[in-house]
């Protein structure tokens, strides 16, 4: 095995072979697997925090405006 070979753990392989997994997720995972794993995880965790904050803001906004439905 060369240094450039990527060894897939079962979850990564399952996601990449899952027909229901989004193209975006597969692309992000493939890209992340080519990077330093510590850096990839740090960036993924930062992305999760940013997306959760965005989602919370959207859900809170929608909930706020739905309170005025009559």
PDB file of N, CA and C in Angstrom:
ATOM      1  N   UNK A   1       0.852  -1.186   0.000  1.00  0.00           N
ATOM      2  CA  UNK A   1       0.000   0.000   0.000  1.00  0.00           C
ATOM      3  C   UNK A   1       0.890   1.238   0.000  1.00  0.00           C
ATOM      4  N   UNK A   2       0.592   2.168  -0.879  1.00  0.00           N
ATOM      5  CA  UNK A   2       1.382   3.391  -0.938  1.00  0.00           C
ATOM      6  C   UNK A   2       0.804   4.432   0.014  1.00  0.00           C
ATOM      7  N   UNK A   3       1.564   5.483   0.237  1.00  0.00           N
ATOM      8  CA  UNK A   3       1.144   6.537   1.155  1.00  0.00           C
ATOM      9  C   UNK A   3      -0.108   7.253   0.650  1.00  0.00           C
ATOM     10  N   UNK A   4      -0.365   7.224  -0.654  1.00  0.00           N
ATOM     11  CA  UNK A   4      -1.511   7.933  -1.233  1.00  0.00           C
ATOM     12  C   UNK A   4      -2.788   7.103  -1.256  1.00  0.00           C
ATOM     13  N   UNK A   5      -2.685   5.811  -0.916  1.00  0.00           N
ATOM     14  CA  UNK A   5      -3.881   4.965  -0.893  1.00  0.00           C
ATOM     15  C   UNK A   5      -4.786   5.370   0.258  1.00  0.00           C
ATOM     16  N   UNK A   6      -6.080   5.406  -0.016  1.00  0.00           N
ATOM     17  CA  UNK A   6      -7.066   5.745   1.012  1.00  0.00           C
ATOM     18  C   UNK A   6      -7.727   4.454   1.475  1.00  0.00           C
ATOM     19  N   UNK A   7      -7.653   4.207   2.765  1.00  0.00           N
ATOM     20  CA  UNK A   7      -8.313   3.044   3.342  1.00  0.00           C
ATOM     21  C   UNK A   7      -9.656   3.506   3.888  1.00  0.00           C
ATOM     22  N   UNK A   8     -10.731   2.917   3.378  1.00  0.00           N
ATOM     23  CA  UNK A   8     -12.067   3.321   3.797  1.00  0.00           C
ATOM     24  C   UNK A   8     -12.501   2.530   5.024  1.00  0.00           C
ATOM     25  N   UNK A   9     -12.927   3.232   6.040  1.00  0.00           N
ATOM     26  CA  UNK A   9     -13.545   2.571   7.185  1.00  0.00           C
ATOM     27  C   UNK A   9     -14.979   2.238   6.780  1.00  0.00           C
ATOM     28  N   UNK A  10     -15.607   1.277   7.470  1.00  0.00           N
ATOM     29  CA  UNK A  10     -16.943   0.831   7.047  1.00  0.00           C
ATOM     30  C   UNK A  10     -17.969   1.957   6.863  1.00  0.00           C
ATOM     31  N   UNK A  11     -18.008   2.940   7.747  1.00  0.00           N
ATOM     32  CA  UNK A  11     -19.005   4.005   7.610  1.00  0.00           C
ATOM     33  C   UNK A  11     -18.760   4.839   6.358  1.00  0.00           C
ATOM     34  N   UNK A  12     -17.514   5.181   6.088  1.00  0.00           N
ATOM     35  CA  UNK A  12     -17.207   5.949   4.875  1.00  0.00           C
ATOM     36  C   UNK A  12     -17.605   5.167   3.633  1.00  0.00           C
ATOM     37  N   UNK A  13     -17.252   3.898   3.615  1.00  0.00           N
ATOM     38  CA  UNK A  13     -17.597   3.058   2.471  1.00  0.00           C
ATOM     39  C   UNK A  13     -19.111   2.956   2.304  1.00  0.00           C
ATOM     40  N   UNK A  14     -19.821   2.811   3.418  1.00  0.00           N
ATOM     41  CA  UNK A  14     -21.280   2.711   3.352  1.00  0.00           C
ATOM     42  C   UNK A  14     -21.900   3.992   2.795  1.00  0.00           C
ATOM     43  N   UNK A  15     -21.405   5.134   3.225  1.00  0.00           N
ATOM     44  CA  UNK A  15     -21.935   6.412   2.729  1.00  0.00           C
ATOM     45  C   UNK A  15     -21.669   6.550   1.234  1.00  0.00           C
ATOM     46  N   UNK A  16     -20.453   6.241   0.819  1.00  0.00           N
ATOM     47  CA  UNK A  16     -20.100   6.389  -0.593  1.00  0.00           C
ATOM     48  C   UNK A  16     -20.871   5.440  -1.491  1.00  0.00           C
ATOM     49  N   UNK A  17     -21.303   4.306  -0.944  1.00  0.00           N
ATOM     50  CA  UNK A  17     -22.065   3.329  -1.731  1.00  0.00           C
ATOM     51  C   UNK A  17     -23.576   3.455  -1.561  1.00  0.00           C
ATOM     52  N   UNK A  18     -24.009   4.390  -0.739  1.00  0.00           N
ATOM     53  CA  UNK A  18     -25.436   4.560  -0.450  1.00  0.00           C
ATOM     54  C   UNK A  18     -26.086   5.417  -1.535  1.00  0.00           C
ATOM     55  N   UNK A  19     -27.048   4.847  -2.236  1.00  0.00           N
ATOM     56  CA  UNK A  19     -27.728   5.582  -3.302  1.00  0.00           C
ATOM     57  C   UNK A  19     -28.538   6.757  -2.765  1.00  0.00           C
ATOM     58  N   UNK A  20     -28.927   6.694  -1.501  1.00  0.00           N
ATOM     59  CA  UNK A  20     -29.733   7.781  -0.940  1.00  0.00           C
ATOM     60  C   UNK A  20     -28.873   8.910  -0.369  1.00  0.00           C
ATOM     61  N   UNK A  21     -27.572   8.703  -0.244  1.00  0.00           N
ATOM     62  CA  UNK A  21     -26.688   9.767   0.248  1.00  0.00           C
ATOM     63  C   UNK A  21     -26.563  10.836  -0.834  1.00  0.00           C
ATOM     64  N   UNK A  22     -26.568  12.069  -0.411  1.00  0.00           N
ATOM     65  CA  UNK A  22     -26.533  13.169  -1.378  1.00  0.00           C
ATOM     66  C   UNK A  22     -25.180  13.254  -2.090  1.00  0.00           C
ATOM     67  N   UNK A  23     -25.229  13.808  -3.281  1.00  0.00           N
ATOM     68  CA  UNK A  23     -24.010  14.042  -4.049  1.00  0.00           C
ATOM     69  C   UNK A  23     -23.063  14.935  -3.258  1.00  0.00           C
ATOM     70  N   UNK A  24     -23.607  15.951  -2.614  1.00  0.00           N
ATOM     71  CA  UNK A  24     -22.793  16.886  -1.826  1.00  0.00           C
ATOM     72  C   UNK A  24     -22.056  16.161  -0.709  1.00  0.00           C
ATOM     73  N   UNK A  25     -22.747  15.284   0.014  1.00  0.00           N
ATOM     74  CA  UNK A  25     -22.124  14.542   1.109  1.00  0.00           C
ATOM     75  C   UNK A  25     -21.007  13.646   0.577  1.00  0.00           C
ATOM     76  N   UNK A  26     -21.268  12.943  -0.501  1.00  0.00           N
ATOM     77  CA  UNK A  26     -20.246  12.064  -1.077  1.00  0.00           C
ATOM     78  C   UNK A  26     -19.038  12.858  -1.561  1.00  0.00           C
ATOM     79  N   UNK A  27     -19.289  13.995  -2.177  1.00  0.00           N
ATOM     80  CA  UNK A  27     -18.200  14.845  -2.646  1.00  0.00           C
ATOM     81  C   UNK A  27     -17.378  15.384  -1.476  1.00  0.00           C
ATOM     82  N   UNK A  28     -18.065  15.836  -0.433  1.00  0.00           N
ATOM     83  CA  UNK A  28     -17.368  16.357   0.750  1.00  0.00           C
ATOM     84  C   UNK A  28     -16.550  15.257   1.422  1.00  0.00           C
ATOM     85  N   UNK A  29     -17.131  14.064   1.537  1.00  0.00           N
ATOM     86  CA  UNK A  29     -16.422  12.954   2.167  1.00  0.00           C
ATOM     87  C   UNK A  29     -15.208  12.547   1.341  1.00  0.00           C
ATOM     88  N   UNK A  30     -15.368  12.436   0.045  1.00  0.00           N
ATOM     89  CA  UNK A  30     -14.248  12.071  -0.824  1.00  0.00           C
ATOM     90  C   UNK A  30     -13.127  13.095  -0.712  1.00  0.00           C
ATOM     91  N   UNK A  31     -13.492  14.362  -0.710  1.00  0.00           N
ATOM     92  CA  UNK A  31     -12.500  15.425  -0.575  1.00  0.00           C
ATOM     93  C   UNK A  31     -11.806  15.359   0.786  1.00  0.00           C
ATOM     94  N   UNK A  32     -12.576  15.137   1.834  1.00  0.00           N
ATOM     95  CA  UNK A  32     -12.013  15.079   3.188  1.00  0.00           C
ATOM     96  C   UNK A  32     -11.064  13.896   3.355  1.00  0.00           C
ATOM     97  N   UNK A  33     -11.370  12.781   2.714  1.00  0.00           N
ATOM     98  CA  UNK A  33     -10.524  11.594   2.834  1.00  0.00           C
ATOM     99  C   UNK A  33      -9.158  11.781   2.190  1.00  0.00           C
ATOM    100  N   UNK A  34      -9.033  12.762   1.324  1.00  0.00           N
ATOM    101  CA  UNK A  34      -7.754  13.048   0.674  1.00  0.00           C
ATOM    102  C   UNK A  34      -6.900  14.013   1.491  1.00  0.00           C
ATOM    103  N   UNK A  35      -7.441  14.535   2.586  1.00  0.00           N
ATOM    104  CA  UNK A  35      -6.755  15.535   3.406  1.00  0.00           C
ATOM    105  C   UNK A  35      -6.144  14.904   4.646  1.00  0.00           C
ATOM    106  N   UNK A  36      -5.396  15.684   5.366  1.00  0.00           N
ATOM    107  CA  UNK A  36      -4.926  15.264   6.683  1.00  0.00           C
ATOM    108  C   UNK A  36      -6.163  15.034   7.541  1.00  0.00           C
ATOM    109  N   UNK A  37      -6.299  13.860   8.159  1.00  0.00           N
ATOM    110  CA  UNK A  37      -7.536  13.561   8.884  1.00  0.00           C
ATOM    111  C   UNK A  37      -7.819  14.491  10.063  1.00  0.00           C
ATOM    112  N   UNK A  38      -6.781  14.944  10.745  1.00  0.00           N
ATOM    113  CA  UNK A  38      -6.990  15.852  11.883  1.00  0.00           C
ATOM    114  C   UNK A  38      -7.535  17.191  11.393  1.00  0.00           C
ATOM    115  N   UNK A  39      -6.966  17.711  10.310  1.00  0.00           N
ATOM    116  CA  UNK A  39      -7.464  18.966   9.740  1.00  0.00           C
ATOM    117  C   UNK A  39      -8.877  18.803   9.191  1.00  0.00           C
ATOM    118  N   UNK A  40      -9.143  17.672   8.545  1.00  0.00           N
ATOM    119  CA  UNK A  40     -10.468  17.432   7.977  1.00  0.00           C
ATOM    120  C   UNK A  40     -11.533  17.394   9.066  1.00  0.00           C
ATOM    121  N   UNK A  41     -11.235  16.730  10.181  1.00  0.00           N
ATOM    122  CA  UNK A  41     -12.198  16.662  11.287  1.00  0.00           C
ATOM    123  C   UNK A  41     -12.411  18.046  11.893  1.00  0.00           C
ATOM    124  N   UNK A  42     -11.344  18.800  12.082  1.00  0.00           N
ATOM    125  CA  UNK A  42     -11.475  20.155  12.644  1.00  0.00           C
ATOM    126  C   UNK A  42     -12.359  21.022  11.747  1.00  0.00           C
ATOM    127  N   UNK A  43     -12.137  20.951  10.443  1.00  0.00           N
ATOM    128  CA  UNK A  43     -12.949  21.737   9.512  1.00  0.00           C
ATOM    129  C   UNK A  43     -14.395  21.252   9.495  1.00  0.00           C
ATOM    130  N   UNK A  44     -14.595  19.931   9.550  1.00  0.00           N
ATOM    131  CA  UNK A  44     -15.953  19.382   9.555  1.00  0.00           C
ATOM    132  C   UNK A  44     -16.707  19.816  10.809  1.00  0.00           C
ATOM    133  N   UNK A  45     -16.025  19.828  11.942  1.00  0.00           N
ATOM    134  CA  UNK A  45     -16.680  20.268  13.181  1.00  0.00           C
ATOM    135  C   UNK A  45     -17.028  21.756  13.127  1.00  0.00           C
ATOM    136  N   UNK A  46     -16.163  22.559  12.525  1.00  0.00           N
ATOM    137  CA  UNK A  46     -16.464  23.986  12.356  1.00  0.00           C
ATOM    138  C   UNK A  46     -17.663  24.164  11.430  1.00  0.00           C
ATOM    139  N   UNK A  47     -17.731  23.358  10.374  1.00  0.00           N
ATOM    140  CA  UNK A  47     -18.860  23.417   9.448  1.00  0.00           C
ATOM    141  C   UNK A  47     -20.155  23.021  10.148  1.00  0.00           C
ATOM    142  N   UNK A  48     -20.103  21.998  10.972  1.00  0.00           N
ATOM    143  CA  UNK A  48     -21.294  21.569  11.725  1.00  0.00           C
ATOM    144  C   UNK A  48     -21.779  22.699  12.633  1.00  0.00           C
ATOM    145  N   UNK A  49     -20.863  23.338  13.341  1.00  0.00           N
ATOM    146  CA  UNK A  49     -21.264  24.449  14.225  1.00  0.00           C
ATOM    147  C   UNK A  49     -21.914  25.579  13.431  1.00  0.00           C
ATOM    148  N   UNK A  50     -21.318  25.931  12.294  1.00  0.00           N
ATOM    149  CA  UNK A  50     -21.854  27.019  11.473  1.00  0.00           C
ATOM    150  C   UNK A  50     -23.228  26.659  10.909  1.00  0.00           C
ATOM    151  N   UNK A  51     -23.381  25.422  10.430  1.00  0.00           N
ATOM    152  CA  UNK A  51     -24.665  25.008   9.859  1.00  0.00           C
ATOM    153  C   UNK A  51     -25.746  24.881  10.926  1.00  0.00           C
ATOM    154  N   UNK A  52     -25.375  24.431  12.125  1.00  0.00           N
ATOM    155  CA  UNK A  52     -26.359  24.358  13.215  1.00  0.00           C
ATOM    156  C   UNK A  52     -26.834  25.752  13.609  1.00  0.00           C
ATOM    157  N   UNK A  53     -25.898  26.691  13.675  1.00  0.00           N
ATOM    158  CA  UNK A  53     -26.270  28.069  14.002  1.00  0.00           C
ATOM    159  C   UNK A  53     -27.206  28.630  12.937  1.00  0.00           C
ATOM    160  N   UNK A  54     -26.887  28.377  11.679  1.00  0.00           N
ATOM    161  CA  UNK A  54     -27.725  28.838  10.573  1.00  0.00           C
ATOM    162  C   UNK A  54     -29.112  28.196  10.656  1.00  0.00           C
ATOM    163  N   UNK A  55     -29.139  26.892  10.876  1.00  0.00           N
ATOM    164  CA  UNK A  55     -30.409  26.169  10.970  1.00  0.00           C
ATOM    165  C   UNK A  55     -31.250  26.696  12.133  1.00  0.00           C
ATOM    166  N   UNK A  56     -30.626  26.879  13.290  1.00  0.00           N
ATOM    167  CA  UNK A  56     -31.351  27.405  14.449  1.00  0.00           C
ATOM    168  C   UNK A  56     -31.943  28.771  14.145  1.00  0.00           C
ATOM    169  N   UNK A  57     -31.175  29.615  13.453  1.00  0.00           N
ATOM    170  CA  UNK A  57     -31.655  30.947  13.106  1.00  0.00           C
ATOM    171  C   UNK A  57     -32.845  30.867  12.153  1.00  0.00           C
ATOM    172  N   UNK A  58     -32.760  29.996  11.156  1.00  0.00           N
ATOM    173  CA  UNK A  58     -33.862  29.842  10.202  1.00  0.00           C
ATOM    174  C   UNK A  58     -35.098  29.295  10.894  1.00  0.00           C
ATOM    175  N   UNK A  59     -34.921  28.267  11.713  1.00  0.00           N
ATOM    176  CA  UNK A  59     -36.061  27.668  12.412  1.00  0.00           C
ATOM    177  C   UNK A  59     -36.683  28.672  13.379  1.00  0.00           C
ATOM    178  N   UNK A  60     -35.870  29.401  14.100  1.00  0.00           N
ATOM    179  CA  UNK A  60     -36.405  30.420  15.015  1.00  0.00           C
ATOM    180  C   UNK A  60     -37.175  31.486  14.261  1.00  0.00           C
ATOM    181  N   UNK A  61     -36.670  31.905  13.111  1.00  0.00           N
ATOM    182  CA  UNK A  61     -37.344  32.929  12.310  1.00  0.00           C
ATOM    183  C   UNK A  61     -38.679  32.412  11.793  1.00  0.00           C
ATOM    184  N   UNK A  62     -38.682  31.190  11.283  1.00  0.00           N
ATOM    185  CA  UNK A  62     -39.920  30.599  10.773  1.00  0.00           C
ATOM    186  C   UNK A  62     -40.922  30.433  11.910  1.00  0.00           C
ATOM    187  N   UNK A  63     -40.456  29.952  13.047  1.00  0.00           N
ATOM    188  CA  UNK A  63     -41.346  29.781  14.204  1.00  0.00           C
ATOM    189  C   UNK A  63     -41.924  31.125  14.642  1.00  0.00           C
ATOM    190  N   UNK A  64     -41.096  32.158  14.660  1.00  0.00           N
ATOM    191  CA  UNK A  64     -41.560  33.495  15.050  1.00  0.00           C
ATOM    192  C   UNK A  64     -42.674  33.962  14.120  1.00  0.00           C
ATOM    193  N   UNK A  65     -42.468  33.836  12.803  1.00  0.00           N
ATOM    194  CA  UNK A  65     -43.470  34.326  11.858  1.00  0.00           C
ATOM    195  C   UNK A  65     -44.715  33.450  11.860  1.00  0.00           C
ATOM    196  N   UNK A  66     -44.580  32.155  12.154  1.00  0.00           N
ATOM    197  CA  UNK A  66     -45.743  31.283  12.229  1.00  0.00           C
ATOM    198  C   UNK A  66     -46.617  31.599  13.432  1.00  0.00           C
ATOM    199  N   UNK A  67     -46.082  32.252  14.409  1.00  0.00           N
ATOM    200  CA  UNK A  67     -46.869  32.649  15.585  1.00  0.00           C
ATOM    201  C   UNK A  67     -47.949  33.663  15.211  1.00  0.00           C
ATOM    202  N   UNK A  68     -47.769  34.339  14.078  1.00  0.00           N
ATOM    203  CA  UNK A  68     -48.728  35.361  13.655  1.00  0.00           C
ATOM    204  C   UNK A  68     -49.781  34.821  12.705  1.00  0.00           C
ATOM    205  N   UNK A  69     -49.703  33.523  12.366  1.00  0.00           N
ATOM    206  CA  UNK A  69     -50.740  32.932  11.496  1.00  0.00           C
ATOM    207  C   UNK A  69     -52.078  32.938  12.214  1.00  0.00           C
ATOM    208  N   UNK A  70     -53.059  33.366  11.501  1.00  0.00           N
ATOM    209  CA  UNK A  70     -54.414  33.420  12.084  1.00  0.00           C
ATOM    210  C   UNK A  70     -55.297  32.469  11.323  1.00  0.00           C
TER     211      UNK A  70
END
